Amino acid sequence: MTLKDFIKGLDAQALEAYAAACNTTVNYLTTHILYATKEPSVRLMKSLAQQSCGAVAMQDVLLHYGLLGPEPVAA
């Protein structure tokens, strides 16, 4: 699942809990993280993956921020 889809799929109560678990705010999640307008710290990126309870992998977080390119094509 993408990070964006995960965040958009949370209801208000779950979003608040996820933000608190990631040590950030709902406003930061829904503005800067959802639309990748600011690159978060490594600590926050790890939390985004860990606190999703397996719904979002670290690789998905890195892809969300354009920090991983597409997989190389085998020759």
PDB file of N, CA and C in Angstrom:
ATOM      1  N   MET A   1       0.844  -1.173   0.000  1.00  0.00           N
ATOM      2  CA  MET A   1       0.000   0.000   0.000  1.00  0.00           C
ATOM      3  C   MET A   1       0.886   1.231   0.000  1.00  0.00           C
ATOM      4  N   THR A   2       0.470   2.250  -0.720  1.00  0.00           N
ATOM      5  CA  THR A   2       1.253   3.481  -0.715  1.00  0.00           C
ATOM      6  C   THR A   2       0.992   4.257   0.566  1.00  0.00           C
ATOM      7  N   LEU A   3       1.937   5.091   0.942  1.00  0.00           N
ATOM      8  CA  LEU A   3       1.787   5.923   2.127  1.00  0.00           C
ATOM      9  C   LEU A   3       0.598   6.860   1.957  1.00  0.00           C
ATOM     10  N   LYS A   4       0.457   7.423   0.779  1.00  0.00           N
ATOM     11  CA  LYS A   4      -0.648   8.353   0.504  1.00  0.00           C
ATOM     12  C   LYS A   4      -1.997   7.646   0.674  1.00  0.00           C
ATOM     13  N   ASP A   5      -2.141   6.463   0.121  1.00  0.00           N
ATOM     14  CA  ASP A   5      -3.388   5.707   0.262  1.00  0.00           C
ATOM     15  C   ASP A   5      -3.660   5.345   1.720  1.00  0.00           C
ATOM     16  N   PHE A   6      -2.611   4.990   2.434  1.00  0.00           N
ATOM     17  CA  PHE A   6      -2.770   4.646   3.847  1.00  0.00           C
ATOM     18  C   PHE A   6      -3.303   5.839   4.630  1.00  0.00           C
ATOM     19  N   ILE A   7      -2.680   6.992   4.469  1.00  0.00           N
ATOM     20  CA  ILE A   7      -3.100   8.183   5.210  1.00  0.00           C
ATOM     21  C   ILE A   7      -4.524   8.579   4.828  1.00  0.00           C
ATOM     22  N   LYS A   8      -4.822   8.562   3.532  1.00  0.00           N
ATOM     23  CA  LYS A   8      -6.169   8.933   3.074  1.00  0.00           C
ATOM     24  C   LYS A   8      -7.240   7.963   3.568  1.00  0.00           C
ATOM     25  N   GLY A   9      -6.872   6.723   3.845  1.00  0.00           N
ATOM     26  CA  GLY A   9      -7.821   5.714   4.281  1.00  0.00           C
ATOM     27  C   GLY A   9      -8.135   5.737   5.769  1.00  0.00           C
ATOM     28  N   LEU A  10      -7.417   6.557   6.517  1.00  0.00           N
ATOM     29  CA  LEU A  10      -7.636   6.623   7.959  1.00  0.00           C
ATOM     30  C   LEU A  10      -8.788   7.567   8.296  1.00  0.00           C
ATOM     31  N   ASP A  11      -9.637   7.156   9.243  1.00  0.00           N
ATOM     32  CA  ASP A  11     -10.671   8.079   9.719  1.00  0.00           C
ATOM     33  C   ASP A  11     -10.007   9.066  10.689  1.00  0.00           C
ATOM     34  N   ALA A  12     -10.751  10.049  11.144  1.00  0.00           N
ATOM     35  CA  ALA A  12     -10.183  11.120  11.967  1.00  0.00           C
ATOM     36  C   ALA A  12      -9.517  10.595  13.229  1.00  0.00           C
ATOM     37  N   GLN A  13     -10.142   9.639  13.893  1.00  0.00           N
ATOM     38  CA  GLN A  13      -9.593   9.096  15.131  1.00  0.00           C
ATOM     39  C   GLN A  13      -8.310   8.305  14.864  1.00  0.00           C
ATOM     40  N   ALA A  14      -8.316   7.485  13.833  1.00  0.00           N
ATOM     41  CA  ALA A  14      -7.127   6.700  13.487  1.00  0.00           C
ATOM     42  C   ALA A  14      -5.996   7.612  13.008  1.00  0.00           C
ATOM     43  N   LEU A  15      -6.334   8.672  12.296  1.00  0.00           N
ATOM     44  CA  LEU A  15      -5.328   9.627  11.818  1.00  0.00           C
ATOM     45  C   LEU A  15      -4.657  10.320  12.997  1.00  0.00           C
ATOM     46  N   GLU A  16      -5.451  10.693  13.973  1.00  0.00           N
ATOM     47  CA  GLU A  16      -4.913  11.335  15.183  1.00  0.00           C
ATOM     48  C   GLU A  16      -3.979  10.378  15.921  1.00  0.00           C
ATOM     49  N   ALA A  17      -4.389   9.132  16.053  1.00  0.00           N
ATOM     50  CA  ALA A  17      -3.562   8.134  16.737  1.00  0.00           C
ATOM     51  C   ALA A  17      -2.263   7.869  15.968  1.00  0.00           C
ATOM     52  N   TYR A  18      -2.356   7.777  14.640  1.00  0.00           N
ATOM     53  CA  TYR A  18      -1.170   7.539  13.806  1.00  0.00           C
ATOM     54  C   TYR A  18      -0.200   8.715  13.915  1.00  0.00           C
ATOM     55  N   ALA A  19      -0.719   9.922  13.857  1.00  0.00           N
ATOM     56  CA  ALA A  19       0.126  11.108  13.981  1.00  0.00           C
ATOM     57  C   ALA A  19       0.837  11.117  15.332  1.00  0.00           C
ATOM     58  N   ALA A  20       0.098  10.846  16.389  1.00  0.00           N
ATOM     59  CA  ALA A  20       0.695  10.830  17.728  1.00  0.00           C
ATOM     60  C   ALA A  20       1.758   9.739  17.840  1.00  0.00           C
ATOM     61  N   ALA A  21       1.484   8.575  17.296  1.00  0.00           N
ATOM     62  CA  ALA A  21       2.449   7.476  17.343  1.00  0.00           C
ATOM     63  C   ALA A  21       3.720   7.817  16.569  1.00  0.00           C
ATOM     64  N   CYS A  22       3.574   8.624  15.516  1.00  0.00           N
ATOM     65  CA  CYS A  22       4.728   9.042  14.708  1.00  0.00           C
ATOM     66  C   CYS A  22       5.386  10.301  15.263  1.00  0.00           C
ATOM     67  N   ASN A  23       4.850  10.800  16.390  1.00  0.00           N
ATOM     68  CA  ASN A  23       5.370  12.005  17.036  1.00  0.00           C
ATOM     69  C   ASN A  23       5.282  13.227  16.122  1.00  0.00           C
ATOM     70  N   THR A  24       4.136  13.362  15.464  1.00  0.00           N
ATOM     71  CA  THR A  24       3.881  14.519  14.620  1.00  0.00           C
ATOM     72  C   THR A  24       2.414  14.905  14.794  1.00  0.00           C
ATOM     73  N   THR A  25       1.932  15.813  13.964  1.00  0.00           N
ATOM     74  CA  THR A  25       0.545  16.272  14.068  1.00  0.00           C
ATOM     75  C   THR A  25      -0.251  15.839  12.849  1.00  0.00           C
ATOM     76  N   VAL A  26      -1.561  15.849  12.993  1.00  0.00           N
ATOM     77  CA  VAL A  26      -2.435  15.540  11.868  1.00  0.00           C
ATOM     78  C   VAL A  26      -2.208  16.567  10.761  1.00  0.00           C
ATOM     79  N   ASN A  27      -2.066  17.827  11.118  1.00  0.00           N
ATOM     80  CA  ASN A  27      -1.839  18.869  10.119  1.00  0.00           C
ATOM     81  C   ASN A  27      -0.568  18.595   9.310  1.00  0.00           C
ATOM     82  N   TYR A  28       0.504  18.210   9.974  1.00  0.00           N
ATOM     83  CA  TYR A  28       1.751  17.913   9.267  1.00  0.00           C
ATOM     84  C   TYR A  28       1.577  16.701   8.349  1.00  0.00           C
ATOM     85  N   LEU A  29       0.876  15.677   8.845  1.00  0.00           N
ATOM     86  CA  LEU A  29       0.624  14.483   8.032  1.00  0.00           C
ATOM     87  C   LEU A  29      -0.169  14.816   6.775  1.00  0.00           C
ATOM     88  N   THR A  30      -1.221  15.605   6.938  1.00  0.00           N
ATOM     89  CA  THR A  30      -2.136  15.846   5.824  1.00  0.00           C
ATOM     90  C   THR A  30      -1.691  16.960   4.889  1.00  0.00           C
ATOM     91  N   THR A  31      -0.678  17.701   5.246  1.00  0.00           N
ATOM     92  CA  THR A  31      -0.170  18.725   4.332  1.00  0.00           C
ATOM     93  C   THR A  31       1.196  18.339   3.794  1.00  0.00           C
ATOM     94  N   HIS A  32       2.167  18.234   4.673  1.00  0.00           N
ATOM     95  CA  HIS A  32       3.542  18.030   4.223  1.00  0.00           C
ATOM     96  C   HIS A  32       3.875  16.585   3.877  1.00  0.00           C
ATOM     97  N   ILE A  33       3.363  15.640   4.613  1.00  0.00           N
ATOM     98  CA  ILE A  33       3.688  14.243   4.334  1.00  0.00           C
ATOM     99  C   ILE A  33       2.819  13.685   3.214  1.00  0.00           C
ATOM    100  N   LEU A  34       1.518  13.916   3.286  1.00  0.00           N
ATOM    101  CA  LEU A  34       0.608  13.381   2.271  1.00  0.00           C
ATOM    102  C   LEU A  34       1.017  13.801   0.861  1.00  0.00           C
ATOM    103  N   TYR A  35       1.437  15.041   0.705  1.00  0.00           N
ATOM    104  CA  TYR A  35       1.803  15.553  -0.623  1.00  0.00           C
ATOM    105  C   TYR A  35       3.309  15.678  -0.824  1.00  0.00           C
ATOM    106  N   ALA A  36       4.087  15.141   0.105  1.00  0.00           N
ATOM    107  CA  ALA A  36       5.553  15.108   0.018  1.00  0.00           C
ATOM    108  C   ALA A  36       6.148  16.488  -0.269  1.00  0.00           C
ATOM    109  N   THR A  37       5.630  17.508   0.427  1.00  0.00           N
ATOM    110  CA  THR A  37       6.138  18.863   0.224  1.00  0.00           C
ATOM    111  C   THR A  37       7.394  19.136   1.037  1.00  0.00           C
ATOM    112  N   LYS A  38       7.583  18.389   2.099  1.00  0.00           N
ATOM    113  CA  LYS A  38       8.799  18.511   2.911  1.00  0.00           C
ATOM    114  C   LYS A  38       9.322  17.115   3.175  1.00  0.00           C
ATOM    115  N   GLU A  39      10.613  16.957   3.035  1.00  0.00           N
ATOM    116  CA  GLU A  39      11.212  15.654   3.303  1.00  0.00           C
ATOM    117  C   GLU A  39      11.381  15.499   4.817  1.00  0.00           C
ATOM    118  N   PRO A  40      10.811  14.450   5.387  1.00  0.00           N
ATOM    119  CA  PRO A  40      10.917  14.272   6.833  1.00  0.00           C
ATOM    120  C   PRO A  40      12.280  13.713   7.227  1.00  0.00           C
ATOM    121  N   SER A  41      12.530  13.739   8.507  1.00  0.00           N
ATOM    122  CA  SER A  41      13.764  13.149   9.030  1.00  0.00           C
ATOM    123  C   SER A  41      13.718  11.641   8.842  1.00  0.00           C
ATOM    124  N   VAL A  42      14.870  11.032   8.950  1.00  0.00           N
ATOM    125  CA  VAL A  42      14.954   9.575   8.859  1.00  0.00           C
ATOM    126  C   VAL A  42      14.126   8.952   9.979  1.00  0.00           C
ATOM    127  N   ARG A  43      14.172   9.530  11.144  1.00  0.00           N
ATOM    128  CA  ARG A  43      13.402   9.021  12.289  1.00  0.00           C
ATOM    129  C   ARG A  43      11.905   9.021  11.968  1.00  0.00           C
ATOM    130  N   LEU A  44      11.406  10.101  11.378  1.00  0.00           N
ATOM    131  CA  LEU A  44       9.990  10.170  11.042  1.00  0.00           C
ATOM    132  C   LEU A  44       9.647   9.186   9.925  1.00  0.00           C
ATOM    133  N   MET A  45      10.513   9.049   8.941  1.00  0.00           N
ATOM    134  CA  MET A  45      10.237   8.085   7.874  1.00  0.00           C
ATOM    135  C   MET A  45      10.143   6.671   8.438  1.00  0.00           C
ATOM    136  N   LYS A  46      11.028   6.323   9.367  1.00  0.00           N
ATOM    137  CA  LYS A  46      10.962   5.010  10.005  1.00  0.00           C
ATOM    138  C   LYS A  46       9.652   4.856  10.770  1.00  0.00           C
ATOM    139  N   SER A  47       9.251   5.887  11.486  1.00  0.00           N
ATOM    140  CA  SER A  47       7.999   5.840  12.250  1.00  0.00           C
ATOM    141  C   SER A  47       6.794   5.684  11.343  1.00  0.00           C
ATOM    142  N   LEU A  48       6.800   6.375  10.208  1.00  0.00           N
ATOM    143  CA  LEU A  48       5.676   6.269   9.278  1.00  0.00           C
ATOM    144  C   LEU A  48       5.463   4.824   8.853  1.00  0.00           C
ATOM    145  N   ALA A  49       6.553   4.120   8.617  1.00  0.00           N
ATOM    146  CA  ALA A  49       6.449   2.708   8.240  1.00  0.00           C
ATOM    147  C   ALA A  49       6.094   1.842   9.444  1.00  0.00           C
ATOM    148  N   GLN A  50       6.814   1.987  10.532  1.00  0.00           N
ATOM    149  CA  GLN A  50       6.612   1.129  11.702  1.00  0.00           C
ATOM    150  C   GLN A  50       5.226   1.290  12.311  1.00  0.00           C
ATOM    151  N   GLN A  51       4.750   2.507  12.411  1.00  0.00           N
ATOM    152  CA  GLN A  51       3.476   2.762  13.077  1.00  0.00           C
ATOM    153  C   GLN A  51       2.266   2.437  12.205  1.00  0.00           C
ATOM    154  N   SER A  52       2.511   2.078  10.947  1.00  0.00           N
ATOM    155  CA  SER A  52       1.401   1.675  10.079  1.00  0.00           C
ATOM    156  C   SER A  52       1.015   0.219  10.320  1.00  0.00           C
ATOM    157  N   CYS A  53       1.711  -0.441  11.225  1.00  0.00           N
ATOM    158  CA  CYS A  53       1.439  -1.846  11.584  1.00  0.00           C
ATOM    159  C   CYS A  53       1.498  -2.776  10.372  1.00  0.00           C
ATOM    160  N   GLY A  54       2.484  -2.542   9.519  1.00  0.00           N
ATOM    161  CA  GLY A  54       2.698  -3.421   8.382  1.00  0.00           C
ATOM    162  C   GLY A  54       1.971  -3.012   7.108  1.00  0.00           C
ATOM    163  N   ALA A  55       1.130  -1.997   7.176  1.00  0.00           N
ATOM    164  CA  ALA A  55       0.384  -1.574   5.984  1.00  0.00           C
ATOM    165  C   ALA A  55       1.285  -0.863   4.978  1.00  0.00           C
ATOM    166  N   VAL A  56       2.299  -0.162   5.479  1.00  0.00           N
ATOM    167  CA  VAL A  56       3.220   0.586   4.624  1.00  0.00           C
ATOM    168  C   VAL A  56       4.639   0.134   4.954  1.00  0.00           C
ATOM    169  N   ALA A  57       5.368  -0.322   3.954  1.00  0.00           N
ATOM    170  CA  ALA A  57       6.757  -0.734   4.150  1.00  0.00           C
ATOM    171  C   ALA A  57       7.682   0.479   4.034  1.00  0.00           C
ATOM    172  N   MET A  58       8.867   0.346   4.593  1.00  0.00           N
ATOM    173  CA  MET A  58       9.854   1.430   4.493  1.00  0.00           C
ATOM    174  C   MET A  58      10.125   1.766   3.029  1.00  0.00           C
ATOM    175  N   GLN A  59      10.148   0.761   2.184  1.00  0.00           N
ATOM    176  CA  GLN A  59      10.361   0.987   0.759  1.00  0.00           C
ATOM    177  C   GLN A  59       9.263   1.886   0.185  1.00  0.00           C
ATOM    178  N   ASP A  60       8.033   1.702   0.642  1.00  0.00           N
ATOM    179  CA  ASP A  60       6.929   2.546   0.176  1.00  0.00           C
ATOM    180  C   ASP A  60       7.115   3.992   0.612  1.00  0.00           C
ATOM    181  N   VAL A  61       7.614   4.197   1.813  1.00  0.00           N
ATOM    182  CA  VAL A  61       7.879   5.553   2.304  1.00  0.00           C
ATOM    183  C   VAL A  61       8.967   6.194   1.444  1.00  0.00           C
ATOM    184  N   LEU A  62      10.026   5.454   1.179  1.00  0.00           N
ATOM    185  CA  LEU A  62      11.118   5.991   0.357  1.00  0.00           C
ATOM    186  C   LEU A  62      10.649   6.292  -1.063  1.00  0.00           C
ATOM    187  N   LEU A  63       9.815   5.434  -1.619  1.00  0.00           N
ATOM    188  CA  LEU A  63       9.259   5.685  -2.953  1.00  0.00           C
ATOM    189  C   LEU A  63       8.369   6.922  -2.952  1.00  0.00           C
ATOM    190  N   HIS A  64       7.612   7.113  -1.887  1.00  0.00           N
ATOM    191  CA  HIS A  64       6.725   8.277  -1.759  1.00  0.00           C
ATOM    192  C   HIS A  64       7.515   9.576  -1.894  1.00  0.00           C
ATOM    193  N   TYR A  65       8.710   9.584  -1.353  1.00  0.00           N
ATOM    194  CA  TYR A  65       9.562  10.767  -1.401  1.00  0.00           C
ATOM    195  C   TYR A  65      10.533  10.772  -2.582  1.00  0.00           C
ATOM    196  N   GLY A  66      10.422   9.815  -3.461  1.00  0.00           N
ATOM    197  CA  GLY A  66      11.293   9.775  -4.630  1.00  0.00           C
ATOM    198  C   GLY A  66      12.733   9.440  -4.301  1.00  0.00           C
ATOM    199  N   LEU A  67      12.936   8.763  -3.180  1.00  0.00           N
ATOM    200  CA  LEU A  67      14.289   8.424  -2.758  1.00  0.00           C
ATOM    201  C   LEU A  67      14.763   7.085  -3.297  1.00  0.00           C
ATOM    202  N   LEU A  68      13.858   6.344  -3.931  1.00  0.00           N
ATOM    203  CA  LEU A  68      14.204   5.095  -4.603  1.00  0.00           C
ATOM    204  C   LEU A  68      13.732   5.209  -6.043  1.00  0.00           C
ATOM    205  N   GLY A  69      14.586   4.817  -6.949  1.00  0.00           N
ATOM    206  CA  GLY A  69      14.185   4.802  -8.347  1.00  0.00           C
ATOM    207  C   GLY A  69      13.496   3.494  -8.666  1.00  0.00           C
ATOM    208  N   PRO A  70      13.084   3.347  -9.892  1.00  0.00           N
ATOM    209  CA  PRO A  70      12.488   2.075 -10.289  1.00  0.00           C
ATOM    210  C   PRO A  70      13.515   0.953 -10.223  1.00  0.00           C
ATOM    211  N   GLU A  71      13.027  -0.250 -10.061  1.00  0.00           N
ATOM    212  CA  GLU A  71      13.918  -1.408  -9.999  1.00  0.00           C
ATOM    213  C   GLU A  71      14.695  -1.521 -11.309  1.00  0.00           C
ATOM    214  N   PRO A  72      15.983  -1.855 -11.245  1.00  0.00           N
ATOM    215  CA  PRO A  72      16.756  -2.016 -12.488  1.00  0.00           C
ATOM    216  C   PRO A  72      16.228  -3.223 -13.287  1.00  0.00           C
ATOM    217  N   VAL A  73      16.286  -3.080 -14.571  1.00  0.00           N
ATOM    218  CA  VAL A  73      15.852  -4.156 -15.463  1.00  0.00           C
ATOM    219  C   VAL A  73      17.009  -5.139 -15.634  1.00  0.00           C
ATOM    220  N   ALA A  74      16.738  -6.422 -15.468  1.00  0.00           N
ATOM    221  CA  ALA A  74      17.784  -7.445 -15.620  1.00  0.00           C
ATOM    222  C   ALA A  74      18.208  -7.524 -17.077  1.00  0.00           C
ATOM    223  N   ALA A  75      19.478  -7.727 -17.276  1.00  0.00           N
ATOM    224  CA  ALA A  75      20.004  -7.811 -18.654  1.00  0.00           C
ATOM    225  C   ALA A  75      19.742  -9.158 -19.257  1.00  0.00           C
TER     226      ALA A  75
END
